[in-house]
Protein backbone atom coordinates (compact mmCIF):
# COMPACT_ATOMS: atom_id res chain seq x y z
CA MET A 1 6.52 21.40 5.27
CA THR A 2 4.14 21.15 2.24
CA ARG A 3 5.50 17.49 1.19
CA ALA A 4 4.32 13.97 2.01
CA PHE A 5 5.93 10.54 0.72
CA ILE A 6 3.38 7.98 -0.24
CA PHE A 7 4.09 4.26 -1.01
CA PRO A 8 2.00 1.99 -3.43
CA GLY A 9 0.04 -1.11 -2.64
CA GLN A 10 -0.68 -4.21 -4.56
CA GLY A 11 -1.67 -3.76 -7.94
CA SER A 12 1.34 -1.40 -8.91
CA GLN A 13 3.43 -4.26 -9.91
CA THR A 14 5.10 -4.71 -13.46
CA VAL A 15 7.98 -6.94 -14.63
CA GLY A 16 10.86 -4.89 -14.74
CA MET A 17 10.32 -2.62 -11.84
CA GLY A 18 13.09 -1.32 -10.52
CA LYS A 19 15.75 -2.60 -12.67
CA ALA A 20 17.13 0.73 -14.36
CA LEU A 21 17.29 1.90 -10.66
CA ALA A 22 19.67 -0.88 -9.92
CA GLU A 23 21.48 -0.72 -12.93
CA ALA A 24 21.98 3.12 -12.52
CA PHE A 25 22.77 3.42 -8.59
CA PRO A 26 24.49 1.35 -6.24
CA GLN A 27 22.13 2.01 -3.33
CA ALA A 28 19.57 0.91 -5.19
CA LYS A 29 21.04 -2.81 -6.06
CA ALA A 30 22.15 -2.77 -2.45
CA VAL A 31 18.30 -2.70 -1.24
CA PHE A 32 17.58 -5.61 -4.02
CA ASP A 33 20.31 -7.59 -2.54
CA GLU A 34 19.10 -7.02 1.01
CA VAL A 35 15.71 -8.17 0.09
CA ASP A 36 16.97 -11.26 -1.74
CA GLU A 37 18.88 -12.06 1.37
CA ALA A 38 16.09 -11.65 4.21
CA LEU A 39 13.81 -13.80 1.75
CA SER A 40 16.95 -16.47 0.81
CA GLN A 41 15.18 -15.93 -2.64
CA ARG A 42 16.12 -14.33 -6.03
CA LEU A 43 13.21 -12.25 -5.84
CA SER A 44 15.03 -9.28 -7.82
CA THR A 45 15.37 -11.73 -10.67
CA LEU A 46 11.84 -12.75 -10.30
CA MET A 47 10.73 -8.96 -10.51
CA TRP A 48 13.09 -8.25 -13.42
CA GLU A 49 12.63 -11.13 -15.42
CA GLY A 50 8.97 -12.72 -14.83
CA PRO A 51 7.15 -14.46 -15.32
CA ALA A 52 4.18 -12.21 -14.29
CA GLU A 53 2.01 -14.98 -12.92
CA GLU A 54 4.70 -15.51 -10.26
CA LEU A 55 5.48 -12.09 -9.55
CA THR A 56 1.72 -11.52 -9.10
CA LEU A 57 1.33 -13.85 -6.15
CA THR A 58 0.94 -11.83 -3.15
CA ALA A 59 3.81 -13.33 -1.29
CA ASN A 60 6.15 -12.04 -3.80
CA THR A 61 4.12 -8.82 -4.86
CA GLN A 62 4.15 -7.44 -1.27
CA PRO A 63 7.99 -7.52 -0.77
CA ALA A 64 9.02 -6.94 -4.29
CA LEU A 65 6.81 -3.40 -4.28
CA MET A 66 8.62 -2.33 -0.88
CA ALA A 67 11.82 -3.44 -2.20
CA VAL A 68 11.13 -0.87 -5.10
CA SER A 69 10.09 1.62 -3.40
CA LEU A 70 12.88 1.56 -0.52
CA ALA A 71 15.66 1.29 -3.50
CA ALA A 72 13.97 4.81 -4.82
CA ILE A 73 14.25 6.13 -1.04
CA ARG A 74 17.96 5.00 -0.72
CA VAL A 75 18.77 6.78 -4.15
CA LEU A 76 16.75 9.94 -3.35
CA GLU A 77 18.59 10.24 -0.04
CA ALA A 78 22.12 9.66 -1.78
CA GLU A 79 21.96 11.66 -5.11
CA ALA A 80 19.32 14.25 -4.29
CA GLY A 81 20.11 14.70 -0.48
CA LEU A 82 16.61 13.68 0.67
CA ASP A 83 16.01 13.77 4.21
CA LEU A 84 12.40 12.83 5.30
CA LYS A 85 12.92 14.44 8.66
CA GLN A 86 13.64 17.94 7.26
CA HIS A 87 11.90 17.38 4.00
CA ALA A 88 8.46 15.75 4.69
CA ALA A 89 5.53 16.30 6.87
CA PHE A 90 4.39 13.03 6.61
CA VAL A 91 4.61 9.44 4.73
CA ALA A 92 1.65 6.98 4.00
CA GLY A 93 1.30 3.98 2.10
CA HIS A 94 -1.60 2.08 0.72
CA SER A 95 -2.24 -1.26 2.43
CA LEU A 96 1.27 -3.20 2.01
CA GLY A 97 2.37 0.49 1.11
CA GLU A 98 2.30 1.18 4.88
CA TYR A 99 5.19 -0.95 5.65
CA SER A 100 7.17 0.63 3.06
CA ALA A 101 6.19 4.22 4.60
CA LEU A 102 7.29 2.56 7.84
CA ALA A 103 10.93 1.57 6.44
CA ALA A 104 11.60 4.79 4.62
CA ALA A 105 11.09 6.45 7.82
CA GLY A 106 13.24 4.41 9.75
CA SER A 107 10.59 2.70 11.96
CA LEU A 108 11.35 -0.74 10.42
CA SER A 109 14.51 -2.24 8.78
CA ILE A 110 14.57 -3.37 5.12
CA SER A 111 15.35 -6.95 5.88
CA ASP A 112 12.21 -7.17 8.63
CA THR A 113 9.98 -5.49 6.49
CA ALA A 114 10.55 -7.78 3.68
CA ARG A 115 10.21 -10.77 6.04
CA LEU A 116 7.08 -9.49 7.42
CA LEU A 117 5.36 -8.81 4.13
CA ARG A 118 6.28 -12.49 3.01
CA ILE A 119 4.57 -13.81 6.28
CA ARG A 120 1.56 -11.36 5.40
CA GLY A 121 1.59 -12.41 1.75
CA ASN A 122 1.52 -15.83 2.51
CA ALA A 123 -0.99 -15.49 5.89
CA MET A 124 -3.73 -13.26 3.46
CA GLN A 125 -3.55 -15.83 1.13
CA ASN A 126 -4.02 -18.86 3.33
CA ALA A 127 -6.79 -17.13 5.54
CA VAL A 128 -9.70 -17.97 3.11
CA PRO A 129 -9.52 -21.27 0.92
CA VAL A 130 -9.55 -20.25 -2.82
CA GLY A 131 -12.78 -19.31 -4.39
CA GLN A 132 -14.79 -18.87 -1.30
CA GLY A 133 -13.69 -15.09 -1.11
CA ALA A 134 -13.57 -11.98 -3.58
CA MET A 135 -13.57 -8.64 -3.72
CA ALA A 136 -15.42 -5.85 -6.00
CA ALA A 137 -14.99 -2.31 -6.95
CA LEU A 138 -17.94 -0.02 -6.73
CA LEU A 139 -17.53 3.04 -9.03
CA GLY A 140 -19.77 6.04 -8.98
CA LEU A 141 -20.65 5.64 -5.04
CA GLU A 142 -19.75 7.82 -2.25
CA TYR A 143 -18.21 5.82 1.14
CA ASP A 144 -21.45 6.12 3.27
CA ALA A 145 -23.81 4.47 -0.07
CA ALA A 146 -21.05 1.72 -0.67
CA LEU A 147 -21.33 0.71 3.14
CA GLU A 148 -24.68 0.72 3.17
CA VAL A 149 -24.76 -1.57 0.07
CA ALA A 150 -22.19 -3.89 1.83
CA ARG A 151 -24.23 -4.06 4.68
CA GLU A 152 -27.36 -4.94 2.86
CA ALA A 153 -25.44 -7.47 0.72
CA ALA A 154 -23.79 -9.72 3.38
CA GLU A 155 -27.31 -11.57 4.66
CA GLY A 156 -25.31 -13.23 7.35
CA GLU A 157 -22.01 -13.25 5.83
CA VAL A 158 -19.03 -10.82 5.40
CA CYS A 159 -19.15 -8.24 3.04
CA ASP A 160 -16.82 -5.07 4.21
CA ALA A 161 -15.63 -2.27 2.83
CA ALA A 162 -11.92 -2.99 1.90
CA ASN A 163 -10.57 0.18 0.16
CA ASP A 164 -11.96 3.96 0.43
CA ASN A 165 -9.73 5.06 -2.36
CA GLY A 166 -11.33 8.10 -2.98
CA GLY A 167 -13.31 9.84 -6.23
CA ALA A 168 -15.99 7.61 -5.50
CA GLN A 169 -13.88 4.01 -5.83
CA VAL A 170 -14.74 1.82 -2.90
CA VAL A 171 -13.78 -1.92 -2.74
CA VAL A 172 -15.51 -4.46 -0.75
CA SER A 173 -14.52 -7.65 0.42
CA GLY A 174 -15.75 -10.81 1.87
CA HIS A 175 -17.68 -14.12 1.00
CA LYS A 176 -18.21 -14.46 -3.01
CA SER A 177 -21.67 -14.78 -2.55
CA ALA A 178 -21.98 -11.63 -0.48
CA VAL A 179 -19.58 -9.91 -3.14
CA GLU A 180 -21.56 -10.83 -5.74
CA ARG A 181 -24.98 -9.45 -4.22
CA ALA A 182 -23.34 -6.36 -3.39
CA VAL A 183 -22.21 -5.93 -7.42
CA ALA A 184 -26.06 -6.07 -8.32
CA ILE A 185 -27.47 -4.23 -5.44
CA ALA A 186 -24.54 -1.44 -6.23
CA GLN A 187 -26.37 -1.13 -9.73
CA THR A 188 -29.60 -0.41 -8.47
CA LYS A 189 -28.20 2.39 -6.08
CA GLY A 190 -26.48 4.51 -8.86
CA ALA A 191 -23.12 3.08 -8.98
CA LYS A 192 -21.70 3.81 -12.40
CA ARG A 193 -19.62 0.67 -12.40
CA ALA A 194 -19.66 -2.61 -10.27
CA VAL A 195 -17.17 -5.11 -11.21
CA MET A 196 -15.61 -8.10 -9.54
CA LEU A 197 -11.76 -7.69 -9.34
CA ALA A 198 -9.12 -10.83 -10.38
CA VAL A 199 -7.65 -11.10 -6.83
CA SER A 200 -6.27 -14.24 -5.09
CA ALA A 201 -7.78 -13.69 -1.72
CA PRO A 202 -10.30 -11.16 0.27
CA PHE A 203 -8.04 -8.79 1.44
CA HIS A 204 -8.89 -6.27 4.35
CA CYS A 205 -12.16 -7.88 5.72
CA ALA A 206 -13.18 -10.02 8.79
CA LEU A 207 -12.24 -13.36 6.87
CA MET A 208 -8.37 -12.09 7.38
CA GLN A 209 -8.65 -12.76 10.86
CA PRO A 210 -6.23 -15.46 10.84
CA ALA A 211 -3.75 -13.42 8.94
CA ALA A 212 -4.11 -10.90 11.27
CA ASP A 213 -3.43 -13.28 14.16
CA ALA A 214 -0.21 -13.99 12.30
CA MET A 215 0.92 -10.53 11.95
CA ARG A 216 0.68 -10.10 15.79
CA GLU A 217 2.98 -12.63 16.23
CA ALA A 218 5.34 -11.66 13.46
CA LEU A 219 5.42 -8.00 14.67
CA ASP A 220 5.82 -8.81 18.25
CA ARG A 221 9.18 -10.29 17.14
CA VAL A 222 10.64 -7.30 15.44
CA THR A 223 12.14 -4.09 16.61
CA VAL A 224 9.73 -1.28 16.04
CA ASN A 225 11.55 2.40 16.14
CA VAL A 226 9.97 5.94 16.51
CA PRO A 227 9.63 6.82 12.72
CA VAL A 228 11.70 9.96 11.64
CA VAL A 229 8.53 11.79 10.57
CA PRO A 230 4.97 10.71 11.42
CA VAL A 231 3.10 7.83 9.51
CA VAL A 232 -0.50 8.56 8.52
CA ALA A 233 -2.00 5.23 9.36
CA ASN A 234 -4.63 3.15 7.02
CA VAL A 235 -6.78 2.54 10.16
CA GLU A 236 -6.73 5.64 11.73
CA ALA A 237 -6.40 8.17 8.91
CA ALA A 238 -4.28 10.19 11.41
CA PRO A 239 -0.45 10.08 12.12
CA ILE A 240 1.35 7.75 14.87
CA THR A 241 4.53 7.80 15.83
CA ASP A 242 4.35 5.55 19.12
CA PRO A 243 5.91 1.67 18.12
CA SER A 244 3.03 0.12 20.28
CA ALA A 245 0.61 2.10 18.32
CA ILE A 246 2.14 1.17 14.80
CA ARG A 247 2.29 -2.72 15.69
CA ASP A 248 -1.43 -2.04 16.38
CA ALA A 249 -2.53 -0.53 13.40
CA LEU A 250 -0.72 -2.98 11.39
CA VAL A 251 -2.60 -5.74 12.94
CA ARG A 252 -6.16 -3.83 12.45
CA GLN A 253 -4.93 -2.97 8.98
CA VAL A 254 -5.41 -6.76 7.88
CA THR A 255 -9.10 -7.02 8.78
CA GLY A 256 -9.91 -3.47 8.85
CA THR A 257 -10.70 -0.67 5.93
CA VAL A 258 -7.64 1.17 4.00
CA ARG A 259 -9.05 4.72 4.53
CA TRP A 260 -7.03 6.03 1.72
CA ARG A 261 -9.41 9.10 1.13
CA GLU A 262 -9.45 10.26 4.53
CA SER A 263 -5.73 9.78 4.92
CA VAL A 264 -5.01 12.02 1.64
CA ALA A 265 -7.76 14.33 3.05
CA TYR A 266 -6.17 14.74 6.76
CA MET A 267 -2.26 15.41 4.96
CA ALA A 268 -4.27 17.94 2.50
CA SER A 269 -5.85 19.62 5.66
CA GLN A 270 -2.08 19.76 7.58
CA GLY A 271 -1.11 21.92 4.52
CA VAL A 272 0.32 19.31 2.37
CA ASP A 273 0.21 20.25 -1.40
CA SER A 274 2.87 17.99 -2.86
CA PHE A 275 2.82 14.52 -2.61
CA TYR A 276 5.42 12.11 -4.22
CA GLU A 277 4.53 8.28 -5.04
CA VAL A 278 7.66 6.61 -4.46
CA GLY A 279 8.11 3.25 -6.30
CA SER A 280 6.45 1.29 -8.97
CA GLY A 281 3.43 2.77 -11.09
CA LYS A 282 1.17 5.73 -10.75
CA VAL A 283 -1.66 4.44 -9.21
CA LEU A 284 -1.91 6.86 -6.04
CA SER A 285 -0.94 9.85 -8.08
CA GLY A 286 -4.69 9.59 -9.85
CA LEU A 287 -6.45 8.90 -6.34
CA VAL A 288 -4.76 11.78 -5.22
CA LYS A 289 -5.60 14.24 -7.62
CA ARG A 290 -9.00 13.33 -7.01
CA ILE A 291 -9.14 13.65 -3.09
CA ALA A 292 -6.90 16.81 -2.51
CA ALA A 293 -8.22 19.58 -4.78
CA GLY A 294 -4.84 21.96 -6.19
CA ALA A 295 -2.34 19.10 -5.03
CA THR A 296 0.25 17.89 -7.16
CA CYS A 297 1.47 14.25 -7.08
CA THR A 298 4.45 13.13 -8.68
CA ALA A 299 5.59 9.43 -9.22
CA ILE A 300 9.23 8.65 -8.27
CA GLY A 301 10.37 5.04 -9.91
CA THR A 302 12.96 5.46 -12.45
CA PRO A 303 16.40 7.41 -12.93
CA GLU A 304 14.69 10.37 -14.78
CA ASP A 305 12.42 10.70 -11.89
CA ILE A 306 15.16 10.89 -9.55
CA ALA A 307 16.86 13.64 -11.52
CA ALA A 308 13.79 15.42 -12.13
CA PHE A 309 13.02 15.37 -8.05
CA LYS A 310 16.64 16.58 -7.39
CA ALA A 311 16.18 19.71 -9.60
CA SER A 312 12.78 20.53 -7.81
CA LEU A 313 14.54 19.86 -4.42
CA ASN A 314 17.86 21.80 -4.90
CA GLY A 315 16.15 24.46 -7.34
């Protein structure tokens, strides 16, 4: 099989996402209703009507993006006959998208996934006092060079590589002063650009340890099934299927590097040449094209996208 289904992370959210799916397909509406019920909140109303500032709050963004991805998957299953076990070699997701991938593959229930992501969002937000942490994108530096910049910038503080996104795009995360030093150092080491990011917390670094502890407790309380298709984990850049390994990877992911470049490269090395980004936006599609030469990446997030995929699957 040459297909992989991938699921977006934070930054792909927009007001209105998923609304057309819910209006066109009862399977999609059922997912949004299930998430609303699991969270005891009309998250779908916030997703479709805003305000954007509230949707962008981490505790809302994470379950909202998952809901759109799972709504699209359920419609693909009902309308296009998608069967991940039959039609996919792997699933993977970027940061919170890994939870979407696991839910799509039947490893986690949608309700449990929504509640886990609400806990994750709150725990990540609360792990570091506002203003003490920061993240920055280093553009034009390969991963090893960016890692060296982070090490040099730390000076006894935390400055870790948070995301290795591919295409010489690495995000660093940690104490604000250390991240600011990394931006300055990167510009002397050949980075094309180094920019501070407008984020609410320093994700995927050692400062997130309190959030990792919270997720360990939360994951111990839910059922994790063997996924119907291997999940390429962010922290391993390799496939995992064992429920205890999945729990462990999700805990380590909170403080660890999102190894997206290596994850996509691994899938490509195993023969995957068609990637499908399921949910909101096209961020991952752009990254995949820079990592896996010759691979195609198709975004599936609207009724029109569903129809196009159905034609390609059944054609």
